[in-house]
Amino acid sequence: MVSKNQIKLITSLHQKKYRKQHQMFIAEGKKVIEELLLAQYDLMYLFAKENFFPQVDVSKVYAISDLELKRITALTTANDCLAVFKMPAEQLINNSGLVLALDDVRDPGNLGTIIRLCDWYGIETLVCSHESVDCYNPKVIQATMGSISRVNIVYTDLQDYITKSNLPVFGTFMDGDNIYQTKLPEEGIIVMGNEANGISTAIESLVSSRISIPRFGKLQQTESLNVSTATAIILSEFKRNS
């Protein structure tokens, strides 16, 4: 049974300031929790309707009802289980190979999908501006489906990071060079911008190569692609060329 203090802690972790204060986050659903356990994330509590994880120390496992799960879930629909994990220590940026950088990406679903894409395409480091959504947001964790355990995610001053890096910088713009006709290197920083406004003016000034995904529709009226969809295409082309 979940206690009042545990309910208070879990619901507080829905908010970024309390996740930062406690250095904890929540994960929901068997698949996500299983991936984090396999990655040896430090488990604090596990609340489940059934014994889904017999490998977990029983002292950390609590039986929970549907009603209780609905009280503590951060999602629209509660899963069968919820876990509280400690945040791992942030690692340094590996300034080699391909690095993906996010300039003020705000949507949790987009960030979660982008983390999965990094995992799929072997992008080891994802650099996020401080304005980007928190990767430990419960909706981000859910959308990553465990990929967060295999991608090094670093929050930093993006302008400062790019300025100090020696890697070529590729920015995605509507008026950039056709990515299908551009020679792409095996190393570089790929910058993806905000959902509504694209790459900021400050970061745009640091871009050495402007690239774009051409529109093939007859009317050419589609304004833009979703940032996670665009990221998938961009990463695919970089990897195909390499």
Protein backbone atom coordinates (compact mmCIF):
# COMPACT_ATOMS: atom_id res chain seq x y z
CA MET A 1 0.00 0.00 0.00
CA VAL A 2 1.25 3.47 -0.86
CA SER A 3 1.63 5.82 2.11
CA LYS A 4 0.60 9.48 2.32
CA ASN A 5 4.26 10.55 2.34
CA GLN A 6 4.97 8.45 -0.75
CA ILE A 7 1.95 9.96 -2.53
CA LYS A 8 3.20 13.43 -1.62
CA LEU A 9 6.69 12.63 -2.96
CA ILE A 10 5.47 11.04 -6.18
CA THR A 11 3.03 13.82 -7.05
CA SER A 12 5.73 16.41 -6.32
CA LEU A 13 7.97 14.67 -8.87
CA HIS A 14 5.48 15.66 -11.57
CA GLN A 15 7.15 19.08 -11.34
CA LYS A 16 10.66 19.89 -12.50
CA LYS A 17 11.69 21.90 -9.41
CA TYR A 18 10.95 18.97 -7.08
CA ARG A 19 12.64 16.45 -9.37
CA LYS A 20 15.71 18.66 -9.23
CA GLN A 21 15.42 19.09 -5.46
CA HIS A 22 15.06 15.38 -4.72
CA GLN A 23 17.21 14.20 -7.65
CA MET A 24 14.49 11.64 -8.43
CA PHE A 25 12.06 10.95 -11.24
CA ILE A 26 9.15 8.62 -11.94
CA ALA A 27 8.73 6.01 -14.67
CA GLU A 28 5.48 4.29 -15.57
CA GLY A 29 4.77 1.03 -17.37
CA LYS A 30 6.46 -2.38 -17.42
CA LYS A 31 8.58 -1.79 -20.53
CA VAL A 32 10.09 1.51 -19.36
CA ILE A 33 10.72 0.31 -15.80
CA GLU A 34 12.28 -2.93 -17.03
CA GLU A 35 14.70 -1.02 -19.29
CA LEU A 36 15.76 1.27 -16.44
CA LEU A 37 16.27 -1.69 -14.12
CA LEU A 38 18.42 -3.42 -16.76
CA ALA A 39 20.48 -0.23 -17.05
CA GLN A 40 20.98 -0.44 -13.27
CA TYR A 41 19.29 2.84 -12.43
CA ASP A 42 19.00 3.22 -8.65
CA LEU A 43 15.44 2.18 -7.72
CA MET A 44 13.81 3.84 -4.70
CA TYR A 45 10.24 2.52 -4.81
CA LEU A 46 8.21 0.27 -7.08
CA PHE A 47 4.41 0.28 -6.98
CA ALA A 48 2.68 -2.47 -8.96
CA LYS A 49 -0.68 -4.21 -9.24
CA GLU A 50 1.06 -7.56 -9.69
CA ASN A 51 4.54 -9.02 -9.15
CA PHE A 52 5.87 -7.97 -12.56
CA PHE A 53 9.49 -7.71 -11.37
CA PRO A 54 10.45 -10.72 -9.19
CA GLN A 55 14.11 -9.70 -9.45
CA VAL A 56 13.51 -6.53 -7.40
CA ASP A 57 14.20 -6.53 -3.66
CA VAL A 58 10.81 -7.01 -1.95
CA SER A 59 11.61 -4.19 0.49
CA LYS A 60 11.23 -1.74 -2.40
CA VAL A 61 8.01 -3.21 -3.84
CA TYR A 62 4.54 -2.05 -2.79
CA ALA A 63 1.19 -3.45 -3.88
CA ILE A 64 -1.09 -0.77 -5.29
CA SER A 65 -4.68 -0.53 -6.48
CA ASP A 66 -6.09 1.01 -9.65
CA LEU A 67 -7.51 3.87 -7.62
CA GLU A 68 -4.16 4.61 -5.99
CA LEU A 69 -2.37 4.49 -9.35
CA LYS A 70 -4.83 7.03 -10.72
CA ARG A 71 -3.96 9.33 -7.82
CA ILE A 72 -0.21 9.29 -8.48
CA THR A 73 0.09 8.91 -12.27
CA ALA A 74 1.43 11.80 -14.33
CA LEU A 75 -0.14 10.34 -17.49
CA THR A 76 -3.65 10.62 -18.89
CA THR A 77 -4.18 6.90 -18.35
CA ALA A 78 -2.48 5.11 -15.48
CA ASN A 79 -0.28 2.07 -16.18
CA ASP A 80 -0.09 -1.14 -14.13
CA CYS A 81 3.04 0.00 -12.32
CA LEU A 82 5.03 3.09 -11.35
CA ALA A 83 8.60 3.38 -10.08
CA VAL A 84 10.68 6.10 -8.48
CA PHE A 85 14.34 6.20 -9.53
CA LYS A 86 17.31 8.34 -8.57
CA MET A 87 18.68 10.51 -11.35
CA PRO A 88 22.04 9.28 -12.62
CA ALA A 89 25.01 11.66 -12.53
CA GLU A 90 25.25 13.83 -15.64
CA GLN A 91 28.14 12.85 -17.88
CA LEU A 92 30.48 15.04 -19.89
CA ILE A 93 29.84 15.78 -23.56
CA ASN A 94 31.71 13.50 -25.95
CA ASN A 95 32.87 15.97 -28.59
CA SER A 96 33.35 13.45 -31.36
CA GLY A 97 31.19 11.78 -33.97
CA LEU A 98 27.71 13.18 -34.45
CA VAL A 99 26.20 15.26 -31.66
CA LEU A 100 22.55 16.27 -31.74
CA ALA A 101 21.70 19.65 -30.19
CA LEU A 102 18.20 20.89 -29.35
CA ASP A 103 17.55 24.63 -29.29
CA ASP A 104 14.50 25.19 -27.07
CA VAL A 105 12.47 22.06 -27.89
CA ARG A 106 9.49 22.28 -25.55
CA ASP A 107 7.14 19.35 -26.24
CA PRO A 108 7.72 16.27 -24.02
CA GLY A 109 6.55 13.87 -26.73
CA ASN A 110 8.98 15.37 -29.22
CA LEU A 111 11.93 15.11 -26.83
CA GLY A 112 11.04 11.53 -25.91
CA THR A 113 10.86 10.55 -29.57
CA ILE A 114 14.14 12.32 -30.33
CA ILE A 115 15.86 10.42 -27.50
CA ARG A 116 14.59 7.14 -29.04
CA LEU A 117 15.91 8.27 -32.42
CA CYS A 118 19.34 8.98 -30.91
CA ASP A 119 19.33 5.47 -29.48
CA TRP A 120 18.26 3.99 -32.85
CA TYR A 121 20.85 5.84 -34.91
CA GLY A 122 23.70 5.51 -32.42
CA ILE A 123 23.89 9.17 -31.44
CA GLU A 124 25.62 8.92 -28.07
CA THR A 125 25.24 12.53 -26.93
CA LEU A 126 22.17 14.78 -26.99
CA VAL A 127 22.88 18.37 -25.96
CA CYS A 128 19.86 20.43 -24.86
CA SER A 129 19.55 24.14 -24.19
CA HIS A 130 18.45 25.06 -20.69
CA GLU A 131 15.11 26.19 -22.16
CA SER A 132 14.33 22.74 -23.56
CA VAL A 133 11.89 20.47 -21.75
CA ASP A 134 13.32 18.41 -18.89
CA CYS A 135 14.27 14.90 -20.01
CA TYR A 136 12.96 13.55 -16.66
CA ASN A 137 9.48 14.91 -17.30
CA PRO A 138 7.21 11.83 -16.86
CA LYS A 139 5.82 12.22 -20.39
CA VAL A 140 9.35 12.33 -21.83
CA ILE A 141 10.34 9.22 -19.86
CA GLN A 142 7.24 7.44 -21.17
CA ALA A 143 7.93 8.45 -24.79
CA THR A 144 11.55 7.24 -24.67
CA MET A 145 10.42 3.67 -23.87
CA GLY A 146 13.69 3.12 -22.02
CA SER A 147 16.04 4.70 -24.58
CA ILE A 148 16.91 7.42 -22.06
CA SER A 149 19.16 4.85 -20.36
CA ARG A 150 21.34 4.58 -23.49
CA VAL A 151 21.75 8.24 -24.50
CA ASN A 152 23.93 10.79 -22.70
CA ILE A 153 21.70 13.86 -22.29
CA VAL A 154 23.39 17.09 -21.21
CA TYR A 155 21.75 20.46 -20.48
CA THR A 156 24.02 23.42 -21.06
CA ASP A 157 24.35 26.92 -22.50
CA LEU A 158 24.00 25.89 -26.13
CA GLN A 159 25.57 29.05 -27.52
CA ASP A 160 28.62 28.66 -25.30
CA TYR A 161 28.96 24.95 -26.14
CA ILE A 162 28.83 25.48 -29.90
CA THR A 163 31.21 28.45 -29.74
CA LYS A 164 33.84 26.36 -27.95
CA SER A 165 33.43 23.27 -30.14
CA ASN A 166 35.65 22.60 -33.15
CA LEU A 167 33.01 20.48 -34.89
CA PRO A 168 31.16 21.76 -37.99
CA VAL A 169 27.66 22.95 -37.13
CA PHE A 170 24.65 21.99 -39.24
CA GLY A 171 21.42 23.90 -38.77
CA THR A 172 18.03 22.91 -40.15
CA PHE A 173 16.21 25.69 -42.02
CA MET A 174 13.45 25.92 -44.61
CA ASP A 175 15.82 27.74 -47.00
CA GLY A 176 18.87 25.54 -46.43
CA ASP A 177 20.69 23.33 -48.95
CA ASN A 178 18.85 20.19 -50.01
CA ILE A 179 20.03 17.49 -47.60
CA TYR A 180 19.70 14.82 -50.30
CA GLN A 181 22.25 16.69 -52.42
CA THR A 182 24.65 17.68 -49.64
CA LYS A 183 27.84 15.85 -48.73
CA LEU A 184 27.50 15.08 -45.04
CA PRO A 185 30.45 14.32 -42.72
CA GLU A 186 30.75 11.64 -40.05
CA GLU A 187 31.35 14.27 -37.39
CA GLY A 188 29.44 17.42 -36.55
CA ILE A 189 26.80 19.11 -34.45
CA ILE A 190 23.26 18.91 -35.83
CA VAL A 191 20.99 21.62 -34.41
CA MET A 192 17.21 21.20 -34.32
CA GLY A 193 15.11 24.21 -33.37
CA ASN A 194 12.01 25.12 -31.44
CA GLU A 195 8.67 23.70 -32.63
CA ALA A 196 7.16 27.11 -33.42
CA ASN A 197 10.15 29.38 -34.08
CA GLY A 198 12.93 27.12 -35.33
CA ILE A 199 16.56 27.84 -34.49
CA SER A 200 17.11 31.04 -32.50
CA THR A 201 18.97 34.00 -34.00
CA ALA A 202 21.88 33.58 -31.56
CA ILE A 203 22.41 29.93 -32.54
CA GLU A 204 21.78 30.60 -36.24
CA SER A 205 24.79 32.94 -36.30
CA LEU A 206 27.01 29.99 -35.26
CA VAL A 207 25.79 27.59 -37.95
CA SER A 208 28.39 26.78 -40.60
CA SER A 209 26.09 24.78 -42.93
CA ARG A 210 22.38 25.37 -43.49
CA ILE A 211 20.46 22.27 -44.55
CA SER A 212 16.82 21.56 -45.31
CA ILE A 213 14.44 18.72 -46.15
CA PRO A 214 12.84 19.60 -49.51
CA ARG A 215 9.09 19.48 -50.02
CA PHE A 216 7.91 17.19 -52.81
CA GLY A 217 4.19 17.95 -52.67
CA LYS A 218 2.70 19.59 -55.77
CA LEU A 219 1.27 22.61 -53.96
CA GLN A 220 4.32 23.17 -51.73
CA GLN A 221 2.04 24.55 -49.02
CA THR A 222 3.08 22.51 -45.98
CA GLU A 223 4.65 25.00 -43.58
CA SER A 224 7.01 22.67 -41.76
CA LEU A 225 7.65 19.18 -40.40
CA ASN A 226 7.27 18.16 -36.79
CA VAL A 227 10.70 18.47 -35.16
CA SER A 228 10.92 14.78 -34.24
CA THR A 229 9.92 13.74 -37.76
CA ALA A 230 12.52 16.10 -39.22
CA THR A 231 15.13 14.73 -36.81
CA ALA A 232 14.46 11.19 -38.03
CA ILE A 233 15.02 12.20 -41.66
CA ILE A 234 18.13 14.26 -40.87
CA LEU A 235 19.78 11.52 -38.81
CA SER A 236 18.92 8.91 -41.42
CA GLU A 237 20.65 10.93 -44.13
CA PHE A 238 23.76 11.58 -42.03
CA LYS A 239 24.06 7.88 -41.24
CA ARG A 240 23.35 6.82 -44.83
CA ASN A 241 26.09 9.11 -46.12
CA SER A 242 28.57 7.88 -43.53
